[in-house]
């Protein structure tokens, strides 16, 4: 048991928003530390001492070979100072009851590394937005999974997206249906009324079945394109000033904070003294 839940936020090779991620973890009650991913690969930092691992967004390796593909290759074939591959370490980490959050480029990374959806090999991808443009705006999401630790108790989320390659594609329709059946489709794009929408601009990238995020079979790994760390405070909301002067009471947190609080609460129940 531990007194404080420890969150490890990775940076390096073009990852960004690590400071916002660390802030979110700290605000949710964890003790966050930002490290270069090479420190993890070299064995300078050990995953067994951590509880939450965060892969932020960014443009790792300049999106060469496609978003996060070069990064996935780097991690899959790199040697480490400890036994086992980097992917095996991630799967062991989750197998010990701990959690991983992967956002935007982090989501692309775990999909192309094969960690999502089942830890075997790459079975799907996140590719170029259907309209060929970089999307940088806020989008409505509807929560599908009742299994995912991060989205527990949530119905919808209004969050910012910032990506050029968020188009979710799964060539195996049977696998996609299994993900739906097994509650591994965590989030889907929706319209302003919270109804699923597969058309632009509600679906910003053309993702099949409006998939915006998926989780693993345990519900403890969440990969998503939107940026919850960009919605930590009510003032982050694009219409916050209008809300401030309305009759509605301003919420204490931005909608993105719920994901971090859910994860820390889950981990605290299992690991905190």
C-alpha atoms as a PDB file:
ATOM      1  CA  UNK A   1       0.000   0.000   0.000  1.00  0.00           C
ATOM      2  CA  UNK A   2       1.080   3.595  -0.581  1.00  0.00           C
ATOM      3  CA  UNK A   3       0.223   6.987   0.870  1.00  0.00           C
ATOM      4  CA  UNK A   4       0.039   8.714  -2.517  1.00  0.00           C
ATOM      5  CA  UNK A   5      -0.956   7.542  -5.977  1.00  0.00           C
ATOM      6  CA  UNK A   6       1.974   8.131  -8.321  1.00  0.00           C
ATOM      7  CA  UNK A   7       1.455   9.225 -11.912  1.00  0.00           C
ATOM      8  CA  UNK A   8       4.198   9.099 -14.517  1.00  0.00           C
ATOM      9  CA  UNK A   9       3.807  11.495 -17.448  1.00  0.00           C
ATOM     10  CA  UNK A  10       6.043  10.771 -20.428  1.00  0.00           C
ATOM     11  CA  UNK A  11       7.739  13.298 -22.677  1.00  0.00           C
ATOM     12  CA  UNK A  12      10.413  13.327 -25.384  1.00  0.00           C
ATOM     13  CA  UNK A  13      10.690  12.792 -29.153  1.00  0.00           C
ATOM     14  CA  UNK A  14       8.054  15.440 -29.919  1.00  0.00           C
ATOM     15  CA  UNK A  15       5.507  14.707 -27.186  1.00  0.00           C
ATOM     16  CA  UNK A  16       3.863  17.843 -25.795  1.00  0.00           C
ATOM     17  CA  UNK A  17       1.186  18.892 -23.262  1.00  0.00           C
ATOM     18  CA  UNK A  18       3.055  16.918 -20.598  1.00  0.00           C
ATOM     19  CA  UNK A  19       2.784  19.834 -18.161  1.00  0.00           C
ATOM     20  CA  UNK A  20      -0.980  20.044 -18.575  1.00  0.00           C
ATOM     21  CA  UNK A  21      -1.212  16.287 -18.043  1.00  0.00           C
ATOM     22  CA  UNK A  22       0.893  16.456 -14.892  1.00  0.00           C
ATOM     23  CA  UNK A  23      -1.237  19.325 -13.594  1.00  0.00           C
ATOM     24  CA  UNK A  24      -4.401  17.294 -14.197  1.00  0.00           C
ATOM     25  CA  UNK A  25      -2.992  14.325 -12.282  1.00  0.00           C
ATOM     26  CA  UNK A  26      -1.926  16.538  -9.384  1.00  0.00           C
ATOM     27  CA  UNK A  27      -5.303  18.275  -9.231  1.00  0.00           C
ATOM     28  CA  UNK A  28      -6.984  14.864  -9.169  1.00  0.00           C
ATOM     29  CA  UNK A  29      -4.976  13.913  -6.096  1.00  0.00           C
ATOM     30  CA  UNK A  30      -1.975  12.083  -7.528  1.00  0.00           C
ATOM     31  CA  UNK A  31       1.710  12.869  -7.278  1.00  0.00           C
ATOM     32  CA  UNK A  32       2.795  13.420 -10.878  1.00  0.00           C
ATOM     33  CA  UNK A  33       6.292  13.285 -12.304  1.00  0.00           C
ATOM     34  CA  UNK A  34       7.355  14.155 -15.854  1.00  0.00           C
ATOM     35  CA  UNK A  35      10.149  12.041 -17.308  1.00  0.00           C
ATOM     36  CA  UNK A  36      11.747  11.476 -20.694  1.00  0.00           C
ATOM     37  CA  UNK A  37      10.639   8.114 -22.021  1.00  0.00           C
ATOM     38  CA  UNK A  38      14.279   7.048 -22.364  1.00  0.00           C
ATOM     39  CA  UNK A  39      14.581   7.101 -18.580  1.00  0.00           C
ATOM     40  CA  UNK A  40      11.916   4.417 -18.510  1.00  0.00           C
ATOM     41  CA  UNK A  41      13.558   2.396 -21.259  1.00  0.00           C
ATOM     42  CA  UNK A  42      16.961   2.577 -19.574  1.00  0.00           C
ATOM     43  CA  UNK A  43      15.570   1.350 -16.282  1.00  0.00           C
ATOM     44  CA  UNK A  44      16.278   4.618 -14.450  1.00  0.00           C
ATOM     45  CA  UNK A  45      12.587   4.737 -13.543  1.00  0.00           C
ATOM     46  CA  UNK A  46      10.652   1.555 -12.763  1.00  0.00           C
ATOM     47  CA  UNK A  47       7.003   1.103 -13.663  1.00  0.00           C
ATOM     48  CA  UNK A  48       6.335  -1.116 -10.672  1.00  0.00           C
ATOM     49  CA  UNK A  49       6.754   1.976  -8.479  1.00  0.00           C
ATOM     50  CA  UNK A  50       4.008   3.845 -10.381  1.00  0.00           C
ATOM     51  CA  UNK A  51       0.213   3.589 -10.581  1.00  0.00           C
ATOM     52  CA  UNK A  52      -0.836   5.707 -13.565  1.00  0.00           C
ATOM     53  CA  UNK A  53       1.119   6.050 -16.805  1.00  0.00           C
ATOM     54  CA  UNK A  54       0.238   8.872 -19.195  1.00  0.00           C
ATOM     55  CA  UNK A  55       1.143   9.136 -22.885  1.00  0.00           C
ATOM     56  CA  UNK A  56       0.331  12.743 -23.871  1.00  0.00           C
ATOM     57  CA  UNK A  57      -0.332  14.054 -27.357  1.00  0.00           C
ATOM     58  CA  UNK A  58       2.091  15.756 -29.695  1.00  0.00           C
ATOM     59  CA  UNK A  59       3.871  15.007 -32.954  1.00  0.00           C
ATOM     60  CA  UNK A  60       6.391  12.317 -32.096  1.00  0.00           C
ATOM     61  CA  UNK A  61       9.213  12.071 -34.623  1.00  0.00           C
ATOM     62  CA  UNK A  62       7.402  14.678 -36.725  1.00  0.00           C
ATOM     63  CA  UNK A  63       4.698  12.137 -37.656  1.00  0.00           C
ATOM     64  CA  UNK A  64       7.136  10.478 -40.064  1.00  0.00           C
ATOM     65  CA  UNK A  65       5.702   7.266 -41.576  1.00  0.00           C
ATOM     66  CA  UNK A  66       2.309   8.370 -40.224  1.00  0.00           C
ATOM     67  CA  UNK A  67       1.322   9.629 -36.794  1.00  0.00           C
ATOM     68  CA  UNK A  68       3.209   7.735 -34.041  1.00  0.00           C
ATOM     69  CA  UNK A  69       4.383   4.967 -36.393  1.00  0.00           C
ATOM     70  CA  UNK A  70       8.083   5.806 -36.055  1.00  0.00           C
ATOM     71  CA  UNK A  71       7.616   6.064 -32.295  1.00  0.00           C
ATOM     72  CA  UNK A  72       5.902   2.671 -32.204  1.00  0.00           C
ATOM     73  CA  UNK A  73       8.785   1.127 -34.152  1.00  0.00           C
ATOM     74  CA  UNK A  74      11.277   2.783 -31.815  1.00  0.00           C
ATOM     75  CA  UNK A  75       9.612   1.257 -28.764  1.00  0.00           C
ATOM     76  CA  UNK A  76       8.884  -2.140 -30.266  1.00  0.00           C
ATOM     77  CA  UNK A  77      12.405  -2.855 -31.452  1.00  0.00           C
ATOM     78  CA  UNK A  78      14.469  -0.903 -28.927  1.00  0.00           C
ATOM     79  CA  UNK A  79      16.522  -2.783 -26.388  1.00  0.00           C
ATOM     80  CA  UNK A  80      15.937  -2.055 -22.721  1.00  0.00           C
ATOM     81  CA  UNK A  81      18.187  -2.490 -19.713  1.00  0.00           C
ATOM     82  CA  UNK A  82      15.714  -4.900 -18.172  1.00  0.00           C
ATOM     83  CA  UNK A  83      14.215  -8.188 -19.292  1.00  0.00           C
ATOM     84  CA  UNK A  84      11.241  -8.047 -21.613  1.00  0.00           C
ATOM     85  CA  UNK A  85      10.154  -5.631 -24.323  1.00  0.00           C
ATOM     86  CA  UNK A  86       8.665  -2.220 -23.659  1.00  0.00           C
ATOM     87  CA  UNK A  87       5.255  -3.488 -24.730  1.00  0.00           C
ATOM     88  CA  UNK A  88       5.498  -6.388 -22.288  1.00  0.00           C
ATOM     89  CA  UNK A  89       6.277  -3.926 -19.507  1.00  0.00           C
ATOM     90  CA  UNK A  90       3.142  -1.937 -20.343  1.00  0.00           C
ATOM     91  CA  UNK A  91       0.985  -5.056 -20.327  1.00  0.00           C
ATOM     92  CA  UNK A  92       2.502  -6.234 -17.033  1.00  0.00           C
ATOM     93  CA  UNK A  93       1.824  -2.788 -15.582  1.00  0.00           C
ATOM     94  CA  UNK A  94      -1.869  -3.014 -16.456  1.00  0.00           C
ATOM     95  CA  UNK A  95      -1.962  -6.652 -15.393  1.00  0.00           C
ATOM     96  CA  UNK A  96      -0.965  -5.479 -11.916  1.00  0.00           C
ATOM     97  CA  UNK A  97      -4.202  -3.488 -11.729  1.00  0.00           C
ATOM     98  CA  UNK A  98      -2.771  -0.134 -12.789  1.00  0.00           C
ATOM     99  CA  UNK A  99      -3.935   2.341 -15.444  1.00  0.00           C
ATOM    100  CA  UNK A 100      -2.712   3.924 -18.678  1.00  0.00           C
ATOM    101  CA  UNK A 101      -4.114   7.033 -20.360  1.00  0.00           C
ATOM    102  CA  UNK A 102      -3.070   7.684 -23.956  1.00  0.00           C
ATOM    103  CA  UNK A 103      -4.240  10.883 -25.636  1.00  0.00           C
ATOM    104  CA  UNK A 104      -4.049  11.866 -29.311  1.00  0.00           C
ATOM    105  CA  UNK A 105      -0.501  10.902 -30.380  1.00  0.00           C
ATOM    106  CA  UNK A 106      -0.396   8.610 -27.365  1.00  0.00           C
ATOM    107  CA  UNK A 107      -3.556   6.873 -28.594  1.00  0.00           C
ATOM    108  CA  UNK A 108      -2.051   6.530 -32.063  1.00  0.00           C
ATOM    109  CA  UNK A 109       1.077   5.080 -30.470  1.00  0.00           C
ATOM    110  CA  UNK A 110      -0.673   2.380 -28.434  1.00  0.00           C
ATOM    111  CA  UNK A 111      -2.792   1.347 -31.418  1.00  0.00           C
ATOM    112  CA  UNK A 112       0.228   1.054 -33.711  1.00  0.00           C
ATOM    113  CA  UNK A 113       2.246  -0.672 -31.009  1.00  0.00           C
ATOM    114  CA  UNK A 114      -0.564  -3.214 -30.656  1.00  0.00           C
ATOM    115  CA  UNK A 115      -1.186  -2.472 -26.973  1.00  0.00           C
ATOM    116  CA  UNK A 116      -4.734  -1.488 -27.908  1.00  0.00           C
ATOM    117  CA  UNK A 117      -7.100  -3.169 -28.188  1.00  0.00           C
ATOM    118  CA  UNK A 118      -5.690  -6.495 -26.937  1.00  0.00           C
ATOM    119  CA  UNK A 119      -1.914  -6.311 -26.532  1.00  0.00           C
ATOM    120  CA  UNK A 120      -1.079  -8.573 -29.466  1.00  0.00           C
ATOM    121  CA  UNK A 121      -0.287  -6.774 -32.726  1.00  0.00           C
ATOM    122  CA  UNK A 122      -1.576  -3.806 -34.691  1.00  0.00           C
ATOM    123  CA  UNK A 123      -5.117  -4.559 -35.844  1.00  0.00           C
ATOM    124  CA  UNK A 124      -6.446  -1.079 -36.618  1.00  0.00           C
ATOM    125  CA  UNK A 125      -5.152   2.404 -37.243  1.00  0.00           C
ATOM    126  CA  UNK A 126      -5.731   6.119 -36.886  1.00  0.00           C
ATOM    127  CA  UNK A 127      -5.074   7.746 -40.225  1.00  0.00           C
ATOM    128  CA  UNK A 128      -5.487  11.061 -42.060  1.00  0.00           C
ATOM    129  CA  UNK A 129      -8.628  13.054 -41.417  1.00  0.00           C
ATOM    130  CA  UNK A 130     -11.161  12.480 -44.156  1.00  0.00           C
ATOM    131  CA  UNK A 131     -11.250  16.167 -45.078  1.00  0.00           C
ATOM    132  CA  UNK A 132      -7.456  16.381 -45.318  1.00  0.00           C
ATOM    133  CA  UNK A 133      -7.283  19.194 -42.777  1.00  0.00           C
ATOM    134  CA  UNK A 134      -5.943  19.605 -39.269  1.00  0.00           C
ATOM    135  CA  UNK A 135      -8.873  19.908 -36.854  1.00  0.00           C
ATOM    136  CA  UNK A 136      -8.420  22.190 -33.857  1.00  0.00           C
ATOM    137  CA  UNK A 137     -11.738  22.790 -32.090  1.00  0.00           C
ATOM    138  CA  UNK A 138     -14.138  21.428 -29.471  1.00  0.00           C
ATOM    139  CA  UNK A 139     -16.240  18.339 -30.148  1.00  0.00           C
ATOM    140  CA  UNK A 140     -19.083  16.595 -28.341  1.00  0.00           C
ATOM    141  CA  UNK A 141     -18.538  12.986 -27.239  1.00  0.00           C
ATOM    142  CA  UNK A 142     -20.957  10.339 -26.090  1.00  0.00           C
ATOM    143  CA  UNK A 143     -19.729   7.697 -23.646  1.00  0.00           C
ATOM    144  CA  UNK A 144     -20.373   4.129 -24.778  1.00  0.00           C
ATOM    145  CA  UNK A 145     -18.333   1.956 -22.403  1.00  0.00           C
ATOM    146  CA  UNK A 146     -19.557   1.016 -18.954  1.00  0.00           C
ATOM    147  CA  UNK A 147     -16.292  -0.889 -18.444  1.00  0.00           C
ATOM    148  CA  UNK A 148     -13.724   1.884 -18.810  1.00  0.00           C
ATOM    149  CA  UNK A 149     -12.326   3.126 -15.491  1.00  0.00           C
ATOM    150  CA  UNK A 150     -11.768   6.649 -16.810  1.00  0.00           C
ATOM    151  CA  UNK A 151     -15.306   7.249 -18.119  1.00  0.00           C
ATOM    152  CA  UNK A 152     -17.222   5.670 -15.233  1.00  0.00           C
ATOM    153  CA  UNK A 153     -20.443   7.502 -14.468  1.00  0.00           C
ATOM    154  CA  UNK A 154     -20.150   9.827 -17.475  1.00  0.00           C
ATOM    155  CA  UNK A 155     -22.691  10.215 -20.285  1.00  0.00           C
ATOM    156  CA  UNK A 156     -21.027  12.796 -22.477  1.00  0.00           C
ATOM    157  CA  UNK A 157     -17.929  15.001 -22.695  1.00  0.00           C
ATOM    158  CA  UNK A 158     -17.299  18.223 -24.584  1.00  0.00           C
ATOM    159  CA  UNK A 159     -13.551  18.309 -25.255  1.00  0.00           C
ATOM    160  CA  UNK A 160     -11.024  19.876 -27.626  1.00  0.00           C
ATOM    161  CA  UNK A 161      -9.484  17.924 -30.496  1.00  0.00           C
ATOM    162  CA  UNK A 162      -6.214  18.865 -32.186  1.00  0.00           C
ATOM    163  CA  UNK A 163      -5.163  16.387 -34.837  1.00  0.00           C
ATOM    164  CA  UNK A 164      -4.604  15.701 -38.513  1.00  0.00           C
ATOM    165  CA  UNK A 165      -4.709  11.910 -38.226  1.00  0.00           C
ATOM    166  CA  UNK A 166      -7.605  10.897 -36.015  1.00  0.00           C
ATOM    167  CA  UNK A 167      -9.568   8.834 -38.510  1.00  0.00           C
ATOM    168  CA  UNK A 168     -10.193   5.498 -36.749  1.00  0.00           C
ATOM    169  CA  UNK A 169     -10.250   2.539 -39.136  1.00  0.00           C
ATOM    170  CA  UNK A 170     -10.642  -1.148 -38.298  1.00  0.00           C
ATOM    171  CA  UNK A 171     -10.536  -3.441 -41.358  1.00  0.00           C
ATOM    172  CA  UNK A 172     -11.925  -6.397 -39.406  1.00  0.00           C
ATOM    173  CA  UNK A 173     -15.646  -5.719 -38.992  1.00  0.00           C
ATOM    174  CA  UNK A 174     -16.031  -8.712 -36.676  1.00  0.00           C
ATOM    175  CA  UNK A 175     -13.343  -7.313 -34.381  1.00  0.00           C
ATOM    176  CA  UNK A 176     -15.049  -3.926 -34.358  1.00  0.00           C
ATOM    177  CA  UNK A 177     -18.348  -5.528 -33.414  1.00  0.00           C
ATOM    178  CA  UNK A 178     -16.603  -7.454 -30.647  1.00  0.00           C
ATOM    179  CA  UNK A 179     -15.208  -4.202 -29.273  1.00  0.00           C
ATOM    180  CA  UNK A 180     -18.719  -2.779 -29.152  1.00  0.00           C
ATOM    181  CA  UNK A 181     -20.114  -5.931 -27.559  1.00  0.00           C
ATOM    182  CA  UNK A 182     -17.346  -6.063 -24.961  1.00  0.00           C
ATOM    183  CA  UNK A 183     -17.731  -2.377 -24.020  1.00  0.00           C
ATOM    184  CA  UNK A 184     -14.281  -1.511 -25.392  1.00  0.00           C
ATOM    185  CA  UNK A 185     -15.527   1.391 -27.488  1.00  0.00           C
ATOM    186  CA  UNK A 186     -15.140   4.080 -24.854  1.00  0.00           C
ATOM    187  CA  UNK A 187     -16.215   7.263 -26.640  1.00  0.00           C
ATOM    188  CA  UNK A 188     -17.979   8.193 -29.868  1.00  0.00           C
ATOM    189  CA  UNK A 189     -18.458  11.522 -31.597  1.00  0.00           C
ATOM    190  CA  UNK A 190     -21.877  13.091 -31.157  1.00  0.00           C
ATOM    191  CA  UNK A 191     -23.903  16.156 -32.089  1.00  0.00           C
ATOM    192  CA  UNK A 192     -24.783  19.006 -29.748  1.00  0.00           C
ATOM    193  CA  UNK A 193     -27.738  17.012 -28.394  1.00  0.00           C
ATOM    194  CA  UNK A 194     -25.528  14.062 -27.474  1.00  0.00           C
ATOM    195  CA  UNK A 195     -26.788  11.860 -30.298  1.00  0.00           C
ATOM    196  CA  UNK A 196     -24.256   9.799 -32.236  1.00  0.00           C
ATOM    197  CA  UNK A 197     -23.182  11.463 -35.454  1.00  0.00           C
ATOM    198  CA  UNK A 198     -21.031  10.041 -38.230  1.00  0.00           C
ATOM    199  CA  UNK A 199     -21.004  13.208 -40.327  1.00  0.00           C
ATOM    200  CA  UNK A 200     -18.762  16.256 -40.382  1.00  0.00           C
ATOM    201  CA  UNK A 201     -18.370  18.513 -38.442  1.00  0.00           C
ATOM    202  CA  UNK A 202     -19.646  16.461 -35.472  1.00  0.00           C
ATOM    203  CA  UNK A 203     -17.325  13.629 -36.472  1.00  0.00           C
ATOM    204  CA  UNK A 204     -14.175  15.699 -37.093  1.00  0.00           C
ATOM    205  CA  UNK A 205     -12.094  13.109 -38.908  1.00  0.00           C
ATOM    206  CA  UNK A 206     -14.353  10.528 -40.577  1.00  0.00           C
ATOM    207  CA  UNK A 207     -13.801   7.787 -37.982  1.00  0.00           C
ATOM    208  CA  UNK A 208     -15.818   4.668 -38.759  1.00  0.00           C
ATOM    209  CA  UNK A 209     -18.780   4.255 -36.431  1.00  0.00           C
ATOM    210  CA  UNK A 210     -17.820   7.636 -34.928  1.00  0.00           C
ATOM    211  CA  UNK A 211     -15.192   5.949 -32.726  1.00  0.00           C
ATOM    212  CA  UNK A 212     -13.348   8.577 -30.684  1.00  0.00           C
ATOM    213  CA  UNK A 213     -11.623   6.344 -28.138  1.00  0.00           C
ATOM    214  CA  UNK A 214     -11.237   2.708 -27.103  1.00  0.00           C
ATOM    215  CA  UNK A 215     -10.146   0.807 -24.004  1.00  0.00           C
ATOM    216  CA  UNK A 216      -8.616  -2.601 -23.415  1.00  0.00           C
ATOM    217  CA  UNK A 217     -10.518  -5.589 -22.031  1.00  0.00           C
ATOM    218  CA  UNK A 218      -9.761  -4.579 -18.434  1.00  0.00           C
ATOM    219  CA  UNK A 219     -11.021  -1.028 -18.904  1.00  0.00           C
ATOM    220  CA  UNK A 220      -7.750   0.270 -17.436  1.00  0.00           C
ATOM    221  CA  UNK A 221      -6.104   1.432 -20.682  1.00  0.00           C
ATOM    222  CA  UNK A 222      -7.902   4.298 -22.396  1.00  0.00           C
ATOM    223  CA  UNK A 223      -6.854   5.702 -25.749  1.00  0.00           C
ATOM    224  CA  UNK A 224      -8.684   8.751 -27.082  1.00  0.00           C
ATOM    225  CA  UNK A 225      -8.135  11.486 -29.661  1.00  0.00           C
ATOM    226  CA  UNK A 226      -9.590  14.406 -27.671  1.00  0.00           C
ATOM    227  CA  UNK A 227      -7.551  16.269 -25.060  1.00  0.00           C
ATOM    228  CA  UNK A 228      -9.062  16.106 -21.551  1.00  0.00           C
ATOM    229  CA  UNK A 229      -6.072  18.042 -20.223  1.00  0.00           C
ATOM    230  CA  UNK A 230      -7.314  20.951 -22.343  1.00  0.00           C
ATOM    231  CA  UNK A 231     -10.561  21.086 -20.373  1.00  0.00           C
ATOM    232  CA  UNK A 232      -9.483  21.120 -16.730  1.00  0.00           C
ATOM    233  CA  UNK A 233     -11.147  24.391 -15.759  1.00  0.00           C
ATOM    234  CA  UNK A 234     -14.519  25.956 -16.610  1.00  0.00           C
ATOM    235  CA  UNK A 235     -12.603  28.859 -18.144  1.00  0.00           C
ATOM    236  CA  UNK A 236     -11.141  26.486 -20.758  1.00  0.00           C
ATOM    237  CA  UNK A 237     -14.612  26.053 -22.258  1.00  0.00           C
ATOM    238  CA  UNK A 238     -14.978  28.105 -25.470  1.00  0.00           C
ATOM    239  CA  UNK A 239     -18.222  29.646 -24.193  1.00  0.00           C
ATOM    240  CA  UNK A 240     -17.222  30.127 -20.568  1.00  0.00           C
ATOM    241  CA  UNK A 241     -17.766  33.890 -20.539  1.00  0.00           C
ATOM    242  CA  UNK A 242     -21.297  33.435 -21.826  1.00  0.00           C
ATOM    243  CA  UNK A 243     -21.915  30.748 -19.206  1.00  0.00           C
ATOM    244  CA  UNK A 244     -20.549  33.024 -16.491  1.00  0.00           C
ATOM    245  CA  UNK A 245     -23.244  35.617 -17.119  1.00  0.00           C
ATOM    246  CA  UNK A 246     -26.065  33.129 -17.537  1.00  0.00           C
ATOM    247  CA  UNK A 247     -28.360  31.913 -14.777  1.00  0.00           C
ATOM    248  CA  UNK A 248     -26.506  28.596 -14.608  1.00  0.00           C
ATOM    249  CA  UNK A 249     -23.945  28.050 -11.873  1.00  0.00           C
ATOM    250  CA  UNK A 250     -20.408  27.619 -13.175  1.00  0.00           C
ATOM    251  CA  UNK A 251     -19.063  24.099 -12.552  1.00  0.00           C
ATOM    252  CA  UNK A 252     -16.081  23.640 -10.266  1.00  0.00           C
ATOM    253  CA  UNK A 253     -14.098  21.698 -12.878  1.00  0.00           C
ATOM    254  CA  UNK A 254     -13.808  21.494 -16.611  1.00  0.00           C
ATOM    255  CA  UNK A 255     -15.295  18.339 -18.102  1.00  0.00           C
ATOM    256  CA  UNK A 256     -11.901  16.771 -18.743  1.00  0.00           C
ATOM    257  CA  UNK A 257     -11.077  16.589 -15.028  1.00  0.00           C
ATOM    258  CA  UNK A 258     -13.595  13.782 -14.521  1.00  0.00           C
ATOM    259  CA  UNK A 259     -11.384  11.312 -16.399  1.00  0.00           C
ATOM    260  CA  UNK A 260      -8.418  11.965 -14.124  1.00  0.00           C
ATOM    261  CA  UNK A 261     -10.489  11.946 -10.942  1.00  0.00           C
ATOM    262  CA  UNK A 262     -12.079   8.633 -11.919  1.00  0.00           C
ATOM    263  CA  UNK A 263      -8.692   7.020 -12.506  1.00  0.00           C
ATOM    264  CA  UNK A 264      -7.134   8.338  -9.296  1.00  0.00           C
ATOM    265  CA  UNK A 265     -10.195   7.301  -7.275  1.00  0.00           C
ATOM    266  CA  UNK A 266     -10.020   3.792  -8.757  1.00  0.00           C
ATOM    267  CA  UNK A 267      -6.298   3.498  -8.011  1.00  0.00           C
ATOM    268  CA  UNK A 268      -6.596   4.956  -4.529  1.00  0.00           C
ATOM    269  CA  UNK A 269      -9.178   2.330  -3.580  1.00  0.00           C
ATOM    270  CA  UNK A 270      -6.765  -0.416  -4.586  1.00  0.00           C
ATOM    271  CA  UNK A 271      -3.321   0.880  -3.700  1.00  0.00           C
ATOM    272  CA  UNK A 272      -3.541   3.731  -1.187  1.00  0.00           C
ATOM    273  CA  UNK A 273      -3.096   3.103   2.521  1.00  0.00           C
END
